[in-house]
PDB file of all heavy atoms in Angstrom:
ATOM      1  N   ALA A   1      58.615 -41.002  64.273  1.00  0.00           N
ATOM      2  CA  ALA A   1      57.574 -41.308  63.300  1.00  0.00           C
ATOM      3  C   ALA A   1      57.043 -42.726  63.489  1.00  0.00           C
ATOM      4  O   ALA A   1      57.804 -43.681  63.639  1.00  0.00           O
ATOM      5  CB  ALA A   1      58.126 -41.147  61.891  1.00  0.00           C
ATOM      6  N   GLU A   2      55.719 -42.854  63.453  1.00  0.00           N
ATOM      7  CA  GLU A   2      55.069 -44.156  63.622  1.00  0.00           C
ATOM      8  C   GLU A   2      54.268 -44.560  62.401  1.00  0.00           C
ATOM      9  O   GLU A   2      53.860 -45.715  62.275  1.00  0.00           O
ATOM     10  CB  GLU A   2      54.146 -44.144  64.856  1.00  0.00           C
ATOM     11  CG  GLU A   2      54.882 -43.912  66.160  1.00  0.00           C
ATOM     12  CD  GLU A   2      53.961 -43.947  67.360  1.00  0.00           C
ATOM     13  OE1 GLU A   2      52.731 -44.039  67.141  1.00  0.00           O
ATOM     14  OE2 GLU A   2      54.460 -43.905  68.488  1.00  0.00           O
ATOM     15  N   THR A   3      53.991 -43.644  61.496  1.00  0.00           N
ATOM     16  CA  THR A   3      53.209 -43.964  60.292  1.00  0.00           C
ATOM     17  C   THR A   3      53.975 -43.469  59.063  1.00  0.00           C
ATOM     18  O   THR A   3      54.920 -42.699  59.162  1.00  0.00           O
ATOM     19  CB  THR A   3      51.826 -43.299  60.316  1.00  0.00           C
ATOM     20  OG1 THR A   3      51.977 -41.878  60.248  1.00  0.00           O
ATOM     21  CG2 THR A   3      51.072 -43.651  61.588  1.00  0.00           C
ATOM     22  N   GLU A   4      53.535 -43.924  57.885  1.00  0.00           N
ATOM     23  CA  GLU A   4      54.190 -43.553  56.642  1.00  0.00           C
ATOM     24  C   GLU A   4      54.105 -42.048  56.374  1.00  0.00           C
ATOM     25  O   GLU A   4      55.086 -41.438  55.937  1.00  0.00           O
ATOM     26  CB  GLU A   4      53.562 -44.338  55.486  1.00  0.00           C
ATOM     27  CG  GLU A   4      54.150 -44.042  54.120  1.00  0.00           C
ATOM     28  CD  GLU A   4      55.609 -44.433  53.995  1.00  0.00           C
ATOM     29  OE1 GLU A   4      56.123 -45.169  54.874  1.00  0.00           O
ATOM     30  OE2 GLU A   4      56.254 -44.010  53.024  1.00  0.00           O
ATOM     31  N   LEU A   5      52.966 -41.432  56.675  1.00  0.00           N
ATOM     32  CA  LEU A   5      52.827 -40.003  56.452  1.00  0.00           C
ATOM     33  C   LEU A   5      53.779 -39.223  57.358  1.00  0.00           C
ATOM     34  O   LEU A   5      54.395 -38.229  56.940  1.00  0.00           O
ATOM     35  CB  LEU A   5      51.390 -39.549  56.680  1.00  0.00           C
ATOM     36  CG  LEU A   5      50.416 -39.682  55.514  1.00  0.00           C
ATOM     37  CD1 LEU A   5      49.053 -39.136  55.901  1.00  0.00           C
ATOM     38  CD2 LEU A   5      50.912 -38.955  54.281  1.00  0.00           C
ATOM     39  N   GLN A   6      53.897 -39.634  58.599  1.00  0.00           N
ATOM     40  CA  GLN A   6      54.830 -38.990  59.517  1.00  0.00           C
ATOM     41  C   GLN A   6      56.261 -39.133  59.009  1.00  0.00           C
ATOM     42  O   GLN A   6      57.048 -38.183  59.067  1.00  0.00           O
ATOM     43  CB  GLN A   6      54.690 -39.574  60.924  1.00  0.00           C
ATOM     44  CG  GLN A   6      53.432 -39.192  61.656  1.00  0.00           C
ATOM     45  CD  GLN A   6      53.297 -39.950  62.959  1.00  0.00           C
ATOM     46  OE1 GLN A   6      53.230 -41.180  63.008  1.00  0.00           O
ATOM     47  NE2 GLN A   6      53.283 -39.208  64.054  1.00  0.00           N
ATOM     48  N   ARG A   7      56.592 -40.316  58.536  1.00  0.00           N
ATOM     49  CA  ARG A   7      57.954 -40.563  58.037  1.00  0.00           C
ATOM     50  C   ARG A   7      58.254 -39.645  56.845  1.00  0.00           C
ATOM     51  O   ARG A   7      59.319 -39.031  56.768  1.00  0.00           O
ATOM     52  CB  ARG A   7      58.113 -42.015  57.644  1.00  0.00           C
ATOM     53  CG  ARG A   7      59.529 -42.381  57.179  1.00  0.00           C
ATOM     54  CD  ARG A   7      59.583 -43.753  56.529  1.00  0.00           C
ATOM     55  NE  ARG A   7      58.892 -43.769  55.245  1.00  0.00           N
ATOM     56  CZ  ARG A   7      59.434 -43.371  54.091  1.00  0.00           C
ATOM     57  NH1 ARG A   7      60.660 -42.870  54.071  1.00  0.00           N
ATOM     58  NH2 ARG A   7      58.739 -43.423  52.972  1.00  0.00           N
ATOM     59  N   ARG A   8      57.319 -39.552  55.896  1.00  0.00           N
ATOM     60  CA  ARG A   8      57.540 -38.740  54.704  1.00  0.00           C
ATOM     61  C   ARG A   8      57.727 -37.268  55.073  1.00  0.00           C
ATOM     62  O   ARG A   8      58.613 -36.584  54.560  1.00  0.00           O
ATOM     63  CB  ARG A   8      56.358 -38.884  53.753  1.00  0.00           C
ATOM     64  CG  ARG A   8      56.269 -40.227  53.046  1.00  0.00           C
ATOM     65  CD  ARG A   8      55.080 -40.216  52.112  1.00  0.00           C
ATOM     66  NE  ARG A   8      54.867 -41.498  51.457  1.00  0.00           N
ATOM     67  CZ  ARG A   8      53.856 -41.747  50.626  1.00  0.00           C
ATOM     68  NH1 ARG A   8      52.959 -40.802  50.368  1.00  0.00           N
ATOM     69  NH2 ARG A   8      53.737 -42.935  50.082  1.00  0.00           N
ATOM     70  N   SER A   9      56.851 -36.787  55.948  1.00  0.00           N
ATOM     71  CA  SER A   9      56.923 -35.390  56.353  1.00  0.00           C
ATOM     72  C   SER A   9      58.232 -35.092  57.079  1.00  0.00           C
ATOM     73  O   SER A   9      58.910 -34.099  56.787  1.00  0.00           O
ATOM     74  CB  SER A   9      55.742 -35.027  57.243  1.00  0.00           C
ATOM     75  OG  SER A   9      55.891 -33.726  57.782  1.00  0.00           O
ATOM     76  N   ALA A  10      58.597 -35.966  58.015  1.00  0.00           N
ATOM     77  CA  ALA A  10      59.820 -35.760  58.791  1.00  0.00           C
ATOM     78  C   ALA A  10      61.050 -35.823  57.888  1.00  0.00           C
ATOM     79  O   ALA A  10      62.010 -35.048  58.049  1.00  0.00           O
ATOM     80  CB  ALA A  10      59.906 -36.795  59.908  1.00  0.00           C
ATOM     81  N   LEU A  11      61.025 -36.739  56.918  1.00  0.00           N
ATOM     82  CA  LEU A  11      62.146 -36.878  56.007  1.00  0.00           C
ATOM     83  C   LEU A  11      62.312 -35.610  55.158  1.00  0.00           C
ATOM     84  O   LEU A  11      63.435 -35.152  54.904  1.00  0.00           O
ATOM     85  CB  LEU A  11      61.956 -38.095  55.113  1.00  0.00           C
ATOM     86  CG  LEU A  11      63.179 -38.710  54.461  1.00  0.00           C
ATOM     87  CD1 LEU A  11      64.187 -39.141  55.505  1.00  0.00           C
ATOM     88  CD2 LEU A  11      62.785 -39.897  53.604  1.00  0.00           C
ATOM     89  N   ALA A  12      61.186 -35.042  54.703  1.00  0.00           N
ATOM     90  CA  ALA A  12      61.233 -33.803  53.929  1.00  0.00           C
ATOM     91  C   ALA A  12      61.782 -32.661  54.767  1.00  0.00           C
ATOM     92  O   ALA A  12      62.610 -31.861  54.303  1.00  0.00           O
ATOM     93  CB  ALA A  12      59.844 -33.463  53.398  1.00  0.00           C
ATOM     94  N   LEU A  13      61.367 -32.589  56.030  1.00  0.00           N
ATOM     95  CA  LEU A  13      61.830 -31.521  56.919  1.00  0.00           C
ATOM     96  C   LEU A  13      63.307 -31.685  57.231  1.00  0.00           C
ATOM     97  O   LEU A  13      64.073 -30.726  57.163  1.00  0.00           O
ATOM     98  CB  LEU A  13      61.001 -31.541  58.202  1.00  0.00           C
ATOM     99  CG  LEU A  13      61.078 -30.305  59.118  1.00  0.00           C
ATOM    100  CD1 LEU A  13      60.593 -29.064  58.383  1.00  0.00           C
ATOM    101  CD2 LEU A  13      60.244 -30.520  60.367  1.00  0.00           C
ATOM    102  N   ALA A  14      63.722 -32.934  57.565  1.00  0.00           N
ATOM    103  CA  ALA A  14      65.121 -33.190  57.880  1.00  0.00           C
ATOM    104  C   ALA A  14      65.996 -32.980  56.656  1.00  0.00           C
ATOM    105  O   ALA A  14      67.176 -32.612  56.789  1.00  0.00           O
ATOM    106  CB  ALA A  14      65.286 -34.610  58.403  1.00  0.00           C
ATOM    107  N   GLY A  15      65.438 -33.211  55.463  1.00  0.00           N
ATOM    108  CA  GLY A  15      66.198 -33.011  54.240  1.00  0.00           C
ATOM    109  C   GLY A  15      66.301 -31.579  53.772  1.00  0.00           C
ATOM    110  O   GLY A  15      66.917 -31.291  52.746  1.00  0.00           O
ATOM    111  N   GLY A  16      65.673 -30.663  54.523  1.00  0.00           N
ATOM    112  CA  GLY A  16      65.833 -29.238  54.240  1.00  0.00           C
ATOM    113  C   GLY A  16      64.761 -28.614  53.372  1.00  0.00           C
ATOM    114  O   GLY A  16      64.947 -27.509  52.879  1.00  0.00           O
ATOM    115  N   ALA A  17      63.617 -29.302  53.188  1.00  0.00           N
ATOM    116  CA  ALA A  17      62.553 -28.740  52.327  1.00  0.00           C
ATOM    117  C   ALA A  17      62.083 -27.390  52.852  1.00  0.00           C
ATOM    118  O   ALA A  17      61.966 -26.422  52.084  1.00  0.00           O
ATOM    119  CB  ALA A  17      61.384 -29.716  52.247  1.00  0.00           C
ATOM    120  N   LEU A  18      61.779 -27.308  54.134  1.00  0.00           N
ATOM    121  CA  LEU A  18      61.350 -26.034  54.721  1.00  0.00           C
ATOM    122  C   LEU A  18      62.489 -25.018  54.758  1.00  0.00           C
ATOM    123  O   LEU A  18      62.295 -23.837  54.466  1.00  0.00           O
ATOM    124  CB  LEU A  18      60.789 -26.265  56.123  1.00  0.00           C
ATOM    125  CG  LEU A  18      60.393 -25.011  56.908  1.00  0.00           C
ATOM    126  CD1 LEU A  18      59.294 -24.220  56.174  1.00  0.00           C
ATOM    127  CD2 LEU A  18      59.915 -25.392  58.315  1.00  0.00           C
ATOM    128  N   SER A  19      63.677 -25.486  55.094  1.00  0.00           N
ATOM    129  CA  SER A  19      64.825 -24.574  55.195  1.00  0.00           C
ATOM    130  C   SER A  19      65.132 -23.911  53.858  1.00  0.00           C
ATOM    131  O   SER A  19      65.423 -22.703  53.804  1.00  0.00           O
ATOM    132  CB  SER A  19      66.063 -25.356  55.674  1.00  0.00           C
ATOM    133  OG  SER A  19      65.815 -25.955  56.930  1.00  0.00           O
ATOM    134  N   ARG A  20      65.056 -24.691  52.782  1.00  0.00           N
ATOM    135  CA  ARG A  20      65.305 -24.114  51.457  1.00  0.00           C
ATOM    136  C   ARG A  20      64.245 -23.082  51.103  1.00  0.00           C
ATOM    137  O   ARG A  20      64.544 -22.030  50.533  1.00  0.00           O
ATOM    138  CB  ARG A  20      65.368 -25.223  50.397  1.00  0.00           C
ATOM    139  CG  ARG A  20      66.623 -26.062  50.473  1.00  0.00           C
ATOM    140  CD  ARG A  20      66.720 -26.991  49.277  1.00  0.00           C
ATOM    141  NE  ARG A  20      65.655 -27.997  49.272  1.00  0.00           N
ATOM    142  CZ  ARG A  20      65.721 -29.165  49.910  1.00  0.00           C
ATOM    143  NH1 ARG A  20      66.811 -29.484  50.601  1.00  0.00           N
ATOM    144  NH2 ARG A  20      64.735 -30.046  49.828  1.00  0.00           N
ATOM    145  N   GLN A  21      62.985 -23.387  51.445  1.00  0.00           N
ATOM    146  CA  GLN A  21      61.910 -22.447  51.144  1.00  0.00           C
ATOM    147  C   GLN A  21      62.075 -21.153  51.944  1.00  0.00           C
ATOM    148  O   GLN A  21      61.947 -20.043  51.388  1.00  0.00           O
ATOM    149  CB  GLN A  21      60.567 -23.076  51.460  1.00  0.00           C
ATOM    150  CG  GLN A  21      59.370 -22.166  51.181  1.00  0.00           C
ATOM    151  CD  GLN A  21      59.244 -21.783  49.732  1.00  0.00           C
ATOM    152  OE1 GLN A  21      58.744 -22.547  48.917  1.00  0.00           O
ATOM    153  NE2 GLN A  21      59.702 -20.585  49.384  1.00  0.00           N
ATOM    154  N   VAL A  22      62.373 -21.289  53.227  1.00  0.00           N
ATOM    155  CA  VAL A  22      62.567 -20.117  54.057  1.00  0.00           C
ATOM    156  C   VAL A  22      63.785 -19.309  53.597  1.00  0.00           C
ATOM    157  O   VAL A  22      63.771 -18.074  53.582  1.00  0.00           O
ATOM    158  CB  VAL A  22      62.698 -20.493  55.544  1.00  0.00           C
ATOM    159  CG1 VAL A  22      63.105 -19.317  56.406  1.00  0.00           C
ATOM    160  CG2 VAL A  22      61.374 -21.084  56.063  1.00  0.00           C
ATOM    161  N   GLY A  23      64.838 -20.017  53.187  1.00  0.00           N
ATOM    162  CA  GLY A  23      66.012 -19.331  52.668  1.00  0.00           C
ATOM    163  C   GLY A  23      65.686 -18.520  51.422  1.00  0.00           C
ATOM    164  O   GLY A  23      66.169 -17.396  51.235  1.00  0.00           O
ATOM    165  N   ASP A  24      64.861 -19.084  50.544  1.00  0.00           N
ATOM    166  CA  ASP A  24      64.435 -18.365  49.340  1.00  0.00           C
ATOM    167  C   ASP A  24      63.625 -17.131  49.709  1.00  0.00           C
ATOM    168  O   ASP A  24      63.831 -16.046  49.165  1.00  0.00           O
ATOM    169  CB  ASP A  24      63.617 -19.303  48.439  1.00  0.00           C
ATOM    170  CG  ASP A  24      63.039 -18.580  47.238  1.00  0.00           C
ATOM    171  OD1 ASP A  24      63.828 -18.159  46.362  1.00  0.00           O
ATOM    172  OD2 ASP A  24      61.806 -18.436  47.163  1.00  0.00           O
ATOM    173  N   TRP A  25      62.656 -17.304  50.636  1.00  0.00           N
ATOM    174  CA  TRP A  25      61.853 -16.162  51.079  1.00  0.00           C
ATOM    175  C   TRP A  25      62.760 -15.062  51.646  1.00  0.00           C
ATOM    176  O   TRP A  25      62.584 -13.884  51.372  1.00  0.00           O
ATOM    177  CB  TRP A  25      60.873 -16.597  52.135  1.00  0.00           C
ATOM    178  CG  TRP A  25      59.731 -17.403  51.624  1.00  0.00           C
ATOM    179  CD1 TRP A  25      59.240 -17.440  50.345  1.00  0.00           C
ATOM    180  CD2 TRP A  25      58.918 -18.318  52.376  1.00  0.00           C
ATOM    181  NE1 TRP A  25      58.195 -18.325  50.268  1.00  0.00           N
ATOM    182  CE2 TRP A  25      57.960 -18.871  51.484  1.00  0.00           C
ATOM    183  CE3 TRP A  25      58.912 -18.723  53.706  1.00  0.00           C
ATOM    184  CZ2 TRP A  25      57.011 -19.789  51.906  1.00  0.00           C
ATOM    185  CZ3 TRP A  25      57.967 -19.644  54.115  1.00  0.00           C
ATOM    186  CH2 TRP A  25      57.019 -20.174  53.219  1.00  0.00           C
ATOM    187  N   ARG A  26      63.743 -15.473  52.440  1.00  0.00           N
ATOM    188  CA  ARG A  26      64.615 -14.493  53.086  1.00  0.00           C
ATOM    189  C   ARG A  26      65.447 -13.715  52.067  1.00  0.00           C
ATOM    190  O   ARG A  26      65.633 -12.503  52.190  1.00  0.00           O
ATOM    191  CB  ARG A  26      65.517 -15.210  54.083  1.00  0.00           C
ATOM    192  CG  ARG A  26      66.276 -14.288  55.012  1.00  0.00           C
ATOM    193  CD  ARG A  26      67.134 -15.063  55.990  1.00  0.00           C
ATOM    194  NE  ARG A  26      67.762 -14.164  56.929  1.00  0.00           N
ATOM    195  CZ  ARG A  26      68.850 -13.447  56.662  1.00  0.00           C
ATOM    196  NH1 ARG A  26      69.408 -13.514  55.465  1.00  0.00           N
ATOM    197  NH2 ARG A  26      69.369 -12.626  57.586  1.00  0.00           N
ATOM    198  N   GLU A  27      65.956 -14.410  51.044  1.00  0.00           N
ATOM    199  CA  GLU A  27      66.752 -13.723  50.006  1.00  0.00           C
ATOM    200  C   GLU A  27      65.892 -12.717  49.261  1.00  0.00           C
ATOM    201  O   GLU A  27      66.348 -11.601  48.965  1.00  0.00           O
ATOM    202  CB  GLU A  27      67.326 -14.763  49.044  1.00  0.00           C
ATOM    203  CG  GLU A  27      68.465 -15.604  49.627  1.00  0.00           C
ATOM    204  CD  GLU A  27      69.634 -14.736  50.075  1.00  0.00           C
ATOM    205  OE1 GLU A  27      70.046 -13.837  49.290  1.00  0.00           O
ATOM    206  OE2 GLU A  27      70.129 -14.935  51.194  1.00  0.00           O
ATOM    207  N   ARG A  28      64.691 -13.103  48.966  1.00  0.00           N
ATOM    208  CA  ARG A  28      63.783 -12.168  48.266  1.00  0.00           C
ATOM    209  C   ARG A  28      63.423 -10.988  49.150  1.00  0.00           C
ATOM    210  O   ARG A  28      63.302  -9.834  48.676  1.00  0.00           O
ATOM    211  CB  ARG A  28      62.549 -12.918  47.796  1.00  0.00           C
ATOM    212  CG  ARG A  28      62.837 -13.849  46.613  1.00  0.00           C
ATOM    213  CD  ARG A  28      61.926 -15.032  46.534  1.00  0.00           C
ATOM    214  NE  ARG A  28      60.543 -14.662  46.230  1.00  0.00           N
ATOM    215  CZ  ARG A  28      59.533 -15.544  46.229  1.00  0.00           C
ATOM    216  NH1 ARG A  28      59.772 -16.813  46.513  1.00  0.00           N
ATOM    217  NH2 ARG A  28      58.306 -15.151  45.931  1.00  0.00           N
ATOM    218  N   LEU A  29      63.288 -11.220  50.432  1.00  0.00           N
ATOM    219  CA  LEU A  29      63.015 -10.137  51.373  1.00  0.00           C
ATOM    220  C   LEU A  29      64.192  -9.165  51.435  1.00  0.00           C
ATOM    221  O   LEU A  29      63.992  -7.949  51.551  1.00  0.00           O
ATOM    222  CB  LEU A  29      62.744 -10.697  52.756  1.00  0.00           C
ATOM    223  CG  LEU A  29      61.298 -11.009  53.142  1.00  0.00           C
ATOM    224  CD1 LEU A  29      61.229 -11.508  54.571  1.00  0.00           C
ATOM    225  CD2 LEU A  29      60.418  -9.779  52.987  1.00  0.00           C
ATOM    226  N   LEU A  30      65.409  -9.702  51.382  1.00  0.00           N
ATOM    227  CA  LEU A  30      66.577  -8.827  51.412  1.00  0.00           C
ATOM    228  C   LEU A  30      66.594  -7.884  50.214  1.00  0.00           C
ATOM    229  O   LEU A  30      66.947  -6.713  50.342  1.00  0.00           O
ATOM    230  CB  LEU A  30      67.868  -9.672  51.450  1.00  0.00           C
ATOM    231  CG  LEU A  30      68.202 -10.348  52.773  1.00  0.00           C
ATOM    232  CD1 LEU A  30      69.372 -11.298  52.608  1.00  0.00           C
ATOM    233  CD2 LEU A  30      68.521  -9.315  53.834  1.00  0.00           C
ATOM    234  N   MET A  31      66.224  -8.414  49.042  1.00  0.00           N
ATOM    235  CA  MET A  31      66.147  -7.567  47.866  1.00  0.00           C
ATOM    236  C   MET A  31      65.084  -6.475  48.017  1.00  0.00           C
ATOM    237  O   MET A  31      65.314  -5.313  47.672  1.00  0.00           O
ATOM    238  CB  MET A  31      65.845  -8.417  46.626  1.00  0.00           C
ATOM    239  CG  MET A  31      66.911  -9.467  46.299  1.00  0.00           C
ATOM    240  SD  MET A  31      68.504  -8.732  45.888  1.00  0.00           S
ATOM    241  CE  MET A  31      68.094  -7.937  44.331  1.00  0.00           C
ATOM    242  N   LEU A  32      63.933  -6.865  48.567  1.00  0.00           N
ATOM    243  CA  LEU A  32      62.872  -5.878  48.774  1.00  0.00           C
ATOM    244  C   LEU A  32      63.285  -4.854  49.844  1.00  0.00           C
ATOM    245  O   LEU A  32      62.961  -3.664  49.732  1.00  0.00           O
ATOM    246  CB  LEU A  32      61.577  -6.583  49.201  1.00  0.00           C
ATOM    247  CG  LEU A  32      60.931  -7.454  48.123  1.00  0.00           C
ATOM    248  CD1 LEU A  32      59.809  -8.283  48.699  1.00  0.00           C
ATOM    249  CD2 LEU A  32      60.417  -6.583  46.970  1.00  0.00           C
TER     250      LEU A  32
END
């Protein structure tokens, strides 16, 4: 990361923001 926006986005990704969302989608898919 070289800019503040890159840092924020990377920090959210490394902190599991996308992973948690995908995990939620996957659980709901399993129910369906």
